[in-house]
Amino acid sequence: MPEPHGDAFVAAAGPHERVCSFGTEGGGMPVEVIFFNVGQGDCTFLWFYEAPGGGSGLSNPASRVGVGAALIDCGSLLATPHRSTAGLPGTDDARMVGHIRRVIADRLGRNAGASKDRLEYLFLSHPDADHHNKLEDLLCNSAGTLDFGIQEVWYTGDPKSYHKGKTNSFLYKLLKPGQRGSLTNGPHAVANDAEAKNLQSSVLPVPLPAAPSGNPLPELLLVSSSLYAEVSGKKVVSKSRGSRDSTWSNAASLVFLLSGQPGASDGKRQKVLLMADAERGVEEFLMMGDRDARYQRDKNMWLKAGHHGSAHATSEDWVKHTTPDALFFSSGRKTFGGTGMPADARLNAIRKTLADEHIPQPAITPAGPHPYGFFQRGATPPFVVQTTTEGFCTSLAEAPPPAGREWLGVDWHLILDDPQPGDYHLEYA
C-alpha cells in the first residue's frame, strides 16, 4: 500500500522486490540510450541489442542486432534543429523530428524477429505537451496511421490531459480503449490497450524480450509515478506540496532506473536514472525509500536531470546521493517567466557539489572539450554555448555567430556494457 508522506500519499519503493532477469548466465547485453535533441522538450530512446563477440573495442554499429526498444516521450515547445540538418530546407520542427525518425527507424529496422520495426514500449512520462506533442509526427505517416509497431503503451495521469477530448487526435486513439485499431497500418499496430501507471505501490520491473543468445539484458525498472497526490479513480482529490500548477503534473512523472550487467572484474553495475520532469519532492521520496542503495553509485551513475535542469530539480542532496558521472539536460531557448533551463546558477551549484564529492570526469567522444548550452541572466542573447570537459551534457550545442547562423543541437549517445559488462561509451553526435 502507499505510505503517507505528510498529508499526501506516495507510492512506497520497497527494498526487497524481485527483479525479473532475462536469458541465461553469460555475457551481458548492451543497451544504447539516446538523449535526443528536441530543443525545449524531451525525447529518450532505449535500444537493446546483441553485438558479435571476440572484439576488444566498441562493437561496429553495422553489426549490432536489435532485441527490443523503448521510447520515452517526444515533445517540443520550441524546436532546435539537429546540427546534421544545418542548411537543409524545412522548418525547425520538421528537420528536428525528421532526424529523430531516421535514427529510430535505423535501430528498429535492425531488430530481429517480431521486434523488427516495433517499439516494445512507448512511455508517456506525464501530460505536459513538451513531452508528447511530437509523437504523431514521429510515429505516423501523413494519413495518421503508424509507420512503426507498438507493443505496449504506459502513461500516467488522466488521458484527457493528453488529448483534451479531441476524438480524432493521435493521443485519443492511442489512449482510449478500443480506439487503437484506427492507427493500424498493415503490420504496424498498437498491440495492446494503453495502461495507466498511477500511484505504483512498489518498484515495477519492465519485461523485455529475451535475447536470442540467452545473454541477460540490462534491467529496466519503473521506480516512481504520481507522487504527492491522492487519486480517486482518475481525479486528484488532494495535493500537499508546492503552489505551482506544474508541480502536480511533474510529480506524476514516470521515473525509470536502467541498470547494466555486473562487470566481470568487479561485479558492479552501471545505472541510468531517467527523471522526466520529476522535481525535488520526487527526489526526496526516492532517497527516503532507498534502503538498498538502489539510487546510489555502484560503478558509473548517469543522470537524466529532472525537468530540463530547472531550479526546482536536481537538488544538492540528490546530487550527493546519486553522485553522477554525467548529467543530461534536455535544453532549448524557451524562457519561462524571464529565465531558461538549465541556468548557469543551477549548473554552478551542481558543479560545486560534484567537486565536493570528487566525481571523476567521464570519457566523452570526440575527445576534448565539448559544447554545452545554458541560460545566463543579463547575457545577449540570454542563451550561451561554451565548452567544458565536465559531465554537463546538453542538447543545445551550437549558437549562431554574429554573422548569423542558426541555433543547433546534438544528441547524446550513452552505450552500456559494450564490449564487456561494465564498459561504457559516451558520445555526442
Protein backbone atom coordinates (compact mmCIF):
# COMPACT_ATOMS: atom_id res chain seq x y z
CA MET A 1 0.00 0.00 0.00
CA PRO A 2 1.14 3.60 -0.49
CA GLU A 3 2.88 5.10 2.52
CA PRO A 4 1.92 8.52 3.92
CA HIS A 5 4.29 11.42 3.31
CA GLY A 6 3.00 14.49 5.11
CA ASP A 7 -0.73 14.55 4.45
CA ALA A 8 -0.43 13.08 0.96
CA PHE A 9 0.06 9.53 -0.22
CA VAL A 10 3.12 8.33 -2.11
CA ALA A 11 3.98 5.01 -3.69
CA ALA A 12 6.43 3.12 -1.50
CA ALA A 13 9.62 1.88 -3.11
CA GLY A 14 10.05 -1.37 -1.25
CA PRO A 15 13.61 -2.67 -0.94
CA HIS A 16 13.02 -6.38 -1.47
CA GLU A 17 11.06 -6.63 -4.73
CA ARG A 18 12.17 -9.43 -7.03
CA VAL A 19 13.56 -8.20 -10.32
CA CYS A 20 12.96 -10.17 -13.49
CA SER A 21 16.09 -11.46 -15.17
CA PHE A 22 16.19 -12.38 -18.80
CA GLY A 23 18.03 -15.14 -20.61
CA THR A 24 20.71 -17.32 -19.10
CA GLU A 25 24.05 -16.74 -17.44
CA GLY A 26 26.79 -15.45 -19.70
CA GLY A 27 27.90 -12.19 -21.26
CA GLY A 28 25.76 -9.09 -20.90
CA MET A 29 23.56 -7.46 -23.49
CA PRO A 30 24.45 -3.87 -24.41
CA VAL A 31 21.94 -1.02 -24.45
CA GLU A 32 22.18 2.29 -26.27
CA VAL A 33 20.45 5.24 -24.58
CA ILE A 34 19.91 8.19 -26.91
CA PHE A 35 19.00 11.55 -25.39
CA PHE A 36 17.59 13.25 -28.49
CA ASN A 37 17.78 16.96 -29.10
CA VAL A 38 14.28 18.41 -29.25
CA GLY A 39 15.02 21.97 -28.15
CA GLN A 40 12.62 22.82 -25.32
CA GLY A 41 11.13 19.36 -24.83
CA ASP A 42 12.12 15.78 -24.15
CA CYS A 43 12.74 12.53 -26.00
CA THR A 44 14.73 9.49 -24.85
CA PHE A 45 15.19 6.22 -26.71
CA LEU A 46 16.48 2.87 -25.37
CA TRP A 47 17.75 0.24 -27.81
CA PHE A 48 18.75 -3.20 -26.51
CA TYR A 49 20.99 -5.09 -28.90
CA GLU A 50 23.38 -8.00 -29.34
CA ALA A 51 26.88 -7.49 -30.66
CA PRO A 52 29.24 -10.11 -32.08
CA GLY A 53 31.82 -11.32 -29.58
CA GLY A 54 35.55 -11.53 -29.98
CA GLY A 55 36.35 -7.85 -30.34
CA SER A 56 38.40 -5.82 -27.89
CA GLY A 57 36.73 -2.46 -28.54
CA LEU A 58 33.29 -0.99 -29.04
CA SER A 59 31.29 -3.10 -31.49
CA ASN A 60 30.78 -1.99 -35.07
CA PRO A 61 27.34 -0.33 -35.24
CA ALA A 62 26.59 -2.10 -38.52
CA SER A 63 26.98 -5.50 -36.83
CA ARG A 64 24.55 -4.86 -33.96
CA VAL A 65 21.26 -6.77 -33.96
CA GLY A 66 18.39 -5.27 -32.01
CA VAL A 67 16.40 -7.22 -29.43
CA GLY A 68 13.91 -4.54 -28.38
CA ALA A 69 13.39 -0.82 -27.93
CA ALA A 70 11.52 1.68 -25.79
CA LEU A 71 10.69 5.35 -26.38
CA ILE A 72 10.13 7.75 -23.51
CA ASP A 73 8.29 10.86 -24.74
CA CYS A 74 8.72 13.04 -27.78
CA GLY A 75 7.60 16.64 -27.49
CA SER A 76 8.82 20.18 -28.02
CA LEU A 77 7.62 23.72 -27.33
CA LEU A 78 10.43 25.41 -29.27
CA ALA A 79 12.31 23.23 -31.71
CA THR A 80 16.06 23.33 -32.28
CA PRO A 81 17.19 21.53 -35.45
CA HIS A 82 19.87 18.87 -35.17
CA ARG A 83 23.27 20.03 -36.40
CA SER A 84 23.26 17.32 -39.10
CA THR A 85 20.39 19.25 -40.76
CA ALA A 86 22.22 22.60 -40.89
CA GLY A 87 21.43 24.39 -44.12
CA LEU A 88 18.76 21.92 -45.21
CA PRO A 89 15.29 23.11 -46.24
CA GLY A 90 12.27 22.73 -43.99
CA THR A 91 11.00 24.15 -40.73
CA ASP A 92 12.89 23.71 -37.48
CA ASP A 93 10.19 21.25 -36.34
CA ALA A 94 10.30 19.16 -39.50
CA ARG A 95 14.09 18.95 -39.57
CA MET A 96 14.29 18.10 -35.87
CA VAL A 97 11.63 15.35 -35.98
CA GLY A 98 12.89 14.03 -39.32
CA HIS A 99 16.32 13.45 -37.84
CA ILE A 100 14.91 11.58 -34.82
CA ARG A 101 12.71 9.49 -37.08
CA ARG A 102 15.65 8.44 -39.25
CA VAL A 103 17.73 7.35 -36.24
CA ILE A 104 14.88 5.40 -34.65
CA ALA A 105 13.92 3.80 -37.98
CA ASP A 106 17.51 2.62 -38.38
CA ARG A 107 17.55 0.94 -34.94
CA LEU A 108 14.08 -0.59 -35.22
CA GLY A 109 14.88 -1.84 -38.71
CA ARG A 110 17.78 -3.83 -37.25
CA ASN A 111 15.63 -5.51 -34.60
CA ALA A 112 15.30 -9.26 -35.02
CA GLY A 113 12.15 -11.35 -35.34
CA ALA A 114 8.85 -9.98 -34.11
CA SER A 115 10.57 -6.85 -32.74
CA LYS A 116 11.58 -5.65 -36.23
CA ASP A 117 10.20 -2.15 -36.89
CA ARG A 118 8.47 -2.22 -33.48
CA LEU A 119 8.74 -0.44 -30.16
CA GLU A 120 8.28 -2.81 -27.26
CA TYR A 121 7.21 0.16 -25.14
CA LEU A 122 6.03 3.71 -25.59
CA PHE A 123 6.15 5.52 -22.25
CA LEU A 124 4.30 8.83 -21.80
CA SER A 125 6.02 10.21 -18.72
CA HIS A 126 3.34 12.82 -17.84
CA PRO A 127 0.83 15.10 -19.58
CA ASP A 128 2.98 18.18 -20.33
CA ALA A 129 2.86 18.98 -24.05
CA ASP A 130 6.64 19.31 -24.39
CA HIS A 131 6.86 15.58 -23.66
CA HIS A 132 4.26 14.24 -26.11
CA ASN A 133 3.14 16.71 -28.79
CA LYS A 134 5.54 15.43 -31.49
CA LEU A 135 4.70 11.75 -31.14
CA GLU A 136 2.30 11.67 -34.08
CA ASP A 137 4.85 13.39 -36.34
CA LEU A 138 7.48 10.89 -35.25
CA LEU A 139 5.50 7.65 -35.36
CA CYS A 140 2.85 8.18 -38.05
CA ASN A 141 2.59 8.90 -41.76
CA SER A 142 0.59 11.67 -43.43
CA ALA A 143 -2.55 9.54 -43.21
CA GLY A 144 -2.26 9.42 -39.42
CA THR A 145 -1.52 5.70 -39.21
CA LEU A 146 1.56 4.08 -37.73
CA ASP A 147 4.86 3.60 -39.52
CA PHE A 148 6.18 1.55 -36.57
CA GLY A 149 4.54 -1.06 -34.39
CA ILE A 150 3.99 -0.51 -30.67
CA GLN A 151 3.59 -3.44 -28.31
CA GLU A 152 2.78 -1.68 -25.00
CA VAL A 153 1.84 1.88 -24.03
CA TRP A 154 2.25 3.09 -20.43
CA TYR A 155 1.19 6.52 -19.24
CA THR A 156 0.42 8.41 -16.05
CA GLY A 157 -2.42 10.75 -15.18
CA ASP A 158 -5.77 11.34 -16.87
CA PRO A 159 -5.91 10.62 -20.64
CA LYS A 160 -7.88 13.84 -21.15
CA SER A 161 -4.83 15.78 -20.01
CA TYR A 162 -3.07 14.49 -23.13
CA HIS A 163 -5.73 14.78 -25.82
CA LYS A 164 -8.09 17.43 -24.38
CA GLY A 165 -11.09 15.42 -25.60
CA LYS A 166 -10.14 15.70 -29.29
CA THR A 167 -11.54 12.39 -30.51
CA ASN A 168 -9.71 12.46 -33.83
CA SER A 169 -6.28 13.07 -32.30
CA PHE A 170 -3.45 10.56 -32.23
CA LEU A 171 -3.28 10.55 -28.44
CA TYR A 172 -7.03 9.97 -28.10
CA LYS A 173 -6.80 6.92 -30.36
CA LEU A 174 -3.66 5.74 -28.58
CA LEU A 175 -5.05 6.01 -25.03
CA LYS A 176 -8.78 5.36 -25.42
CA PRO A 177 -9.65 1.66 -25.02
CA GLY A 178 -10.97 0.24 -28.29
CA GLN A 179 -9.57 3.03 -30.49
CA ARG A 180 -6.03 1.77 -31.15
CA GLY A 181 -7.18 -0.20 -34.22
CA SER A 182 -7.71 3.04 -36.12
CA LEU A 183 -3.94 3.59 -36.03
CA THR A 184 -3.13 0.29 -37.74
CA ASN A 185 -1.13 0.40 -40.96
CA GLY A 186 -0.54 -3.08 -42.38
CA PRO A 187 1.81 -4.87 -39.94
CA HIS A 188 2.22 -1.74 -37.82
CA ALA A 189 -0.25 -1.63 -34.96
CA VAL A 190 -0.61 -0.97 -31.24
CA ALA A 191 -0.82 -4.50 -29.87
CA ASN A 192 -2.45 -3.75 -26.51
CA ASP A 193 -4.60 -1.07 -24.92
CA ALA A 194 -2.67 1.59 -23.04
CA GLU A 195 -2.10 1.07 -19.31
CA ALA A 196 -2.20 3.82 -16.68
CA LYS A 197 0.64 3.55 -14.16
CA ASN A 198 -0.64 5.76 -11.37
CA LEU A 199 0.44 5.52 -7.73
CA GLN A 200 2.60 2.44 -8.17
CA SER A 201 2.90 0.76 -4.78
CA SER A 202 6.31 -0.79 -5.48
CA VAL A 203 9.15 -0.81 -7.96
CA LEU A 204 7.86 -2.36 -11.19
CA PRO A 205 10.13 -4.42 -13.47
CA VAL A 206 9.63 -3.74 -17.17
CA PRO A 207 9.66 -7.11 -19.01
CA LEU A 208 11.74 -7.13 -22.18
CA PRO A 209 12.13 -9.73 -24.94
CA ALA A 210 14.73 -12.42 -24.29
CA ALA A 211 17.93 -12.22 -26.31
CA PRO A 212 18.35 -14.99 -28.92
CA SER A 213 21.80 -15.77 -27.46
CA GLY A 214 20.36 -16.25 -23.98
CA ASN A 215 22.52 -13.43 -22.60
CA PRO A 216 20.75 -11.38 -19.92
CA LEU A 217 19.54 -7.89 -20.78
CA PRO A 218 20.03 -4.84 -18.59
CA GLU A 219 17.24 -4.32 -16.05
CA LEU A 220 14.65 -1.59 -16.60
CA LEU A 221 12.51 -0.60 -13.61
CA LEU A 222 9.68 1.89 -13.16
CA VAL A 223 10.57 3.37 -9.76
CA SER A 224 8.15 6.26 -9.28
CA SER A 225 4.84 7.60 -10.57
CA SER A 226 2.14 10.06 -9.46
CA LEU A 227 3.61 11.19 -6.16
CA TYR A 228 2.23 13.65 -3.65
CA ALA A 229 -1.39 13.37 -4.72
CA GLU A 230 -4.18 11.13 -3.52
CA VAL A 231 -6.07 9.86 -6.55
CA SER A 232 -9.65 8.60 -6.56
CA GLY A 233 -10.27 6.95 -9.91
CA LYS A 234 -8.64 9.41 -12.27
CA LYS A 235 -9.33 12.53 -10.21
CA VAL A 236 -6.77 14.14 -7.93
CA VAL A 237 -8.60 14.76 -4.65
CA SER A 238 -5.78 16.24 -2.56
CA LYS A 239 -2.46 17.91 -3.11
CA SER A 240 0.09 18.71 -0.48
CA ARG A 241 3.35 20.05 -1.85
CA GLY A 242 4.11 23.31 -3.56
CA SER A 243 1.98 26.04 -5.10
CA ARG A 244 2.92 25.90 -8.80
CA ASP A 245 0.39 24.29 -11.12
CA SER A 246 3.17 22.35 -12.83
CA THR A 247 4.15 20.74 -9.54
CA TRP A 248 1.36 18.19 -9.90
CA SER A 249 1.97 17.04 -13.46
CA ASN A 250 5.72 16.97 -12.85
CA ALA A 251 5.34 14.95 -9.65
CA ALA A 252 3.36 12.40 -11.66
CA SER A 253 6.35 11.73 -13.92
CA LEU A 254 7.20 8.13 -14.70
CA VAL A 255 10.77 7.75 -13.41
CA PHE A 256 12.88 4.83 -14.64
CA LEU A 257 16.08 3.17 -13.49
CA LEU A 258 18.14 1.26 -16.05
CA SER A 259 20.88 -0.99 -14.68
CA GLY A 260 23.59 -2.67 -16.73
CA GLN A 261 25.05 -6.10 -16.16
CA PRO A 262 27.64 -6.74 -13.39
CA GLY A 263 31.18 -6.09 -14.58
CA ALA A 264 33.34 -9.18 -14.98
CA SER A 265 36.19 -7.78 -12.87
CA ASP A 266 34.30 -6.13 -10.01
CA GLY A 267 30.66 -7.30 -10.20
CA LYS A 268 29.46 -3.68 -10.17
CA ARG A 269 26.65 -2.31 -12.30
CA GLN A 270 26.21 0.96 -14.15
CA LYS A 271 22.95 2.80 -13.60
CA VAL A 272 20.94 5.35 -15.57
CA LEU A 273 18.25 7.40 -13.79
CA LEU A 274 15.65 8.82 -16.19
CA MET A 275 13.81 11.54 -14.26
CA ALA A 276 11.42 13.09 -16.85
CA ASP A 277 10.11 16.29 -15.17
CA ALA A 278 10.38 14.96 -11.61
CA GLU A 279 11.44 17.65 -9.15
CA ARG A 280 12.73 17.80 -5.58
CA GLY A 281 9.69 16.19 -3.99
CA VAL A 282 10.21 13.06 -6.07
CA GLU A 283 13.94 13.11 -5.36
CA GLU A 284 13.18 13.27 -1.62
CA PHE A 285 10.77 10.35 -1.95
CA LEU A 286 13.32 8.19 -3.73
CA MET A 287 16.02 8.97 -1.19
CA MET A 288 13.62 8.30 1.69
CA GLY A 289 12.95 4.76 0.47
CA ASP A 290 16.48 3.94 -0.73
CA ARG A 291 17.33 1.34 1.89
CA ASP A 292 19.19 -0.85 -0.63
CA ALA A 293 21.22 1.99 -2.21
CA ARG A 294 19.32 1.43 -5.45
CA TYR A 295 19.76 5.07 -6.50
CA GLN A 296 23.37 5.40 -5.44
CA ARG A 297 26.50 4.84 -7.46
CA ASP A 298 27.70 1.25 -7.78
CA LYS A 299 30.02 1.68 -10.75
CA ASN A 300 29.09 4.57 -13.06
CA MET A 301 25.95 6.63 -12.50
CA TRP A 302 24.30 8.56 -15.33
CA LEU A 303 21.52 11.05 -14.51
CA LYS A 304 18.92 12.43 -16.90
CA ALA A 305 18.34 15.62 -14.91
CA GLY A 306 14.75 16.24 -13.88
CA HIS A 307 12.70 18.98 -15.55
CA HIS A 308 15.36 20.12 -18.02
CA GLY A 309 17.67 21.42 -15.28
CA SER A 310 15.01 23.53 -13.56
CA ALA A 311 15.90 25.23 -10.26
CA HIS A 312 13.17 23.02 -8.71
CA ALA A 313 15.04 19.80 -9.54
CA THR A 314 18.46 18.13 -9.17
CA SER A 315 18.87 19.29 -5.59
CA GLU A 316 22.19 19.26 -3.76
CA ASP A 317 21.02 16.30 -1.67
CA TRP A 318 20.02 14.36 -4.80
CA VAL A 319 23.37 15.01 -6.50
CA LYS A 320 25.20 13.89 -3.34
CA HIS A 321 23.00 10.79 -3.10
CA THR A 322 23.41 9.71 -6.73
CA THR A 323 26.92 11.12 -7.46
CA PRO A 324 26.52 11.05 -11.26
CA ASP A 325 29.40 10.85 -13.71
CA ALA A 326 27.39 12.97 -16.13
CA LEU A 327 24.08 14.82 -16.19
CA PHE A 328 22.00 15.05 -19.37
CA PHE A 329 19.88 18.16 -19.85
CA SER A 330 17.18 18.47 -22.48
CA SER A 331 17.78 22.13 -23.26
CA GLY A 332 16.41 24.78 -25.56
CA ARG A 333 15.95 28.52 -25.91
CA LYS A 334 12.46 28.98 -24.47
CA THR A 335 12.20 31.22 -21.43
CA PHE A 336 9.75 30.82 -18.56
CA GLY A 337 9.00 33.99 -16.58
CA GLY A 338 12.29 35.52 -17.59
CA THR A 339 14.52 32.53 -17.04
CA GLY A 340 15.57 29.47 -19.03
CA MET A 341 16.79 25.94 -18.37
CA PRO A 342 19.36 24.98 -17.39
CA ALA A 343 20.55 28.25 -15.90
CA ASP A 344 24.20 28.91 -15.13
CA ALA A 345 23.35 29.30 -11.43
CA ARG A 346 21.87 25.78 -11.36
CA LEU A 347 24.88 24.31 -13.18
CA ASN A 348 27.29 26.12 -10.87
CA ALA A 349 25.55 24.66 -7.81
CA ILE A 350 25.76 21.15 -9.31
CA ARG A 351 29.38 21.76 -10.27
CA LYS A 352 30.29 22.61 -6.67
CA THR A 353 28.53 19.54 -5.29
CA LEU A 354 30.26 17.21 -7.76
CA ALA A 355 33.63 18.77 -6.89
CA ASP A 356 32.96 18.23 -3.20
CA GLU A 357 32.17 14.57 -3.92
CA HIS A 358 35.34 14.16 -6.06
CA ILE A 359 33.48 12.67 -9.02
CA PRO A 360 35.88 11.96 -11.91
CA GLN A 361 35.11 13.48 -15.29
CA PRO A 362 33.69 11.00 -17.82
CA ALA A 363 35.40 9.96 -21.05
CA ILE A 364 33.50 11.60 -23.91
CA THR A 365 33.85 11.11 -27.67
CA PRO A 366 35.05 13.14 -29.54
CA ALA A 367 37.88 13.68 -27.05
CA GLY A 368 38.49 17.15 -25.68
CA PRO A 369 36.12 19.90 -24.52
CA HIS A 370 32.52 19.50 -25.64
CA PRO A 371 29.88 22.21 -26.15
CA TYR A 372 27.10 22.83 -23.67
CA GLY A 373 24.32 25.43 -23.68
CA PHE A 374 22.66 27.25 -20.79
CA PHE A 375 20.70 30.34 -19.75
CA GLN A 376 22.69 33.28 -18.41
CA ARG A 377 20.77 36.21 -17.00
CA GLY A 378 21.93 39.51 -18.47
CA ALA A 379 23.65 37.97 -21.49
CA THR A 380 22.63 38.96 -25.03
CA PRO A 381 21.21 36.65 -26.19
CA PRO A 382 20.40 35.07 -22.82
CA PHE A 383 21.35 31.57 -24.01
CA VAL A 384 25.06 30.86 -24.18
CA VAL A 385 27.12 27.98 -25.58
CA GLN A 386 30.53 27.28 -24.07
CA THR A 387 32.81 24.25 -23.86
CA THR A 388 33.76 22.03 -20.93
CA THR A 389 35.32 18.68 -20.09
CA GLU A 390 32.86 18.20 -17.22
CA GLY A 391 29.91 15.86 -17.32
CA PHE A 392 27.41 18.54 -18.35
CA CYS A 393 25.70 17.16 -21.46
CA THR A 394 23.13 19.48 -23.02
CA SER A 395 21.25 19.13 -26.28
CA LEU A 396 21.67 22.84 -27.04
CA ALA A 397 25.16 22.90 -28.52
CA GLU A 398 25.70 25.47 -31.29
CA ALA A 399 24.89 29.18 -31.09
CA PRO A 400 24.87 31.40 -34.17
CA PRO A 401 27.88 33.69 -34.52
CA PRO A 402 27.23 37.43 -35.04
CA ALA A 403 27.20 36.91 -38.79
CA GLY A 404 24.05 34.87 -38.33
CA ARG A 405 23.92 31.12 -38.35
CA GLU A 406 21.16 29.17 -36.62
CA TRP A 407 20.90 27.57 -33.21
CA LEU A 408 21.60 23.85 -33.47
CA GLY A 409 21.50 20.84 -31.14
CA VAL A 410 23.15 17.46 -30.68
CA ASP A 411 22.06 14.04 -29.45
CA TRP A 412 23.91 12.25 -26.66
CA HIS A 413 24.52 8.51 -27.10
CA LEU A 414 25.31 6.52 -23.97
CA ILE A 415 26.16 2.83 -24.50
CA LEU A 416 26.38 0.44 -21.56
CA ASP A 417 28.12 -2.97 -21.48
CA ASP A 418 29.78 -2.86 -24.89
CA PRO A 419 32.19 -4.56 -25.50
CA GLN A 420 32.04 -6.07 -21.98
CA PRO A 421 29.68 -5.72 -18.99
CA GLY A 422 30.77 -2.66 -17.03
CA ASP A 423 32.15 -0.75 -20.04
CA TYR A 424 30.59 2.45 -21.33
CA HIS A 425 30.82 4.71 -24.37
CA LEU A 426 29.56 8.30 -24.28
CA GLU A 427 29.39 10.30 -27.48
CA TYR A 428 27.67 13.40 -28.80
CA ALA A 429 26.70 13.49 -32.45
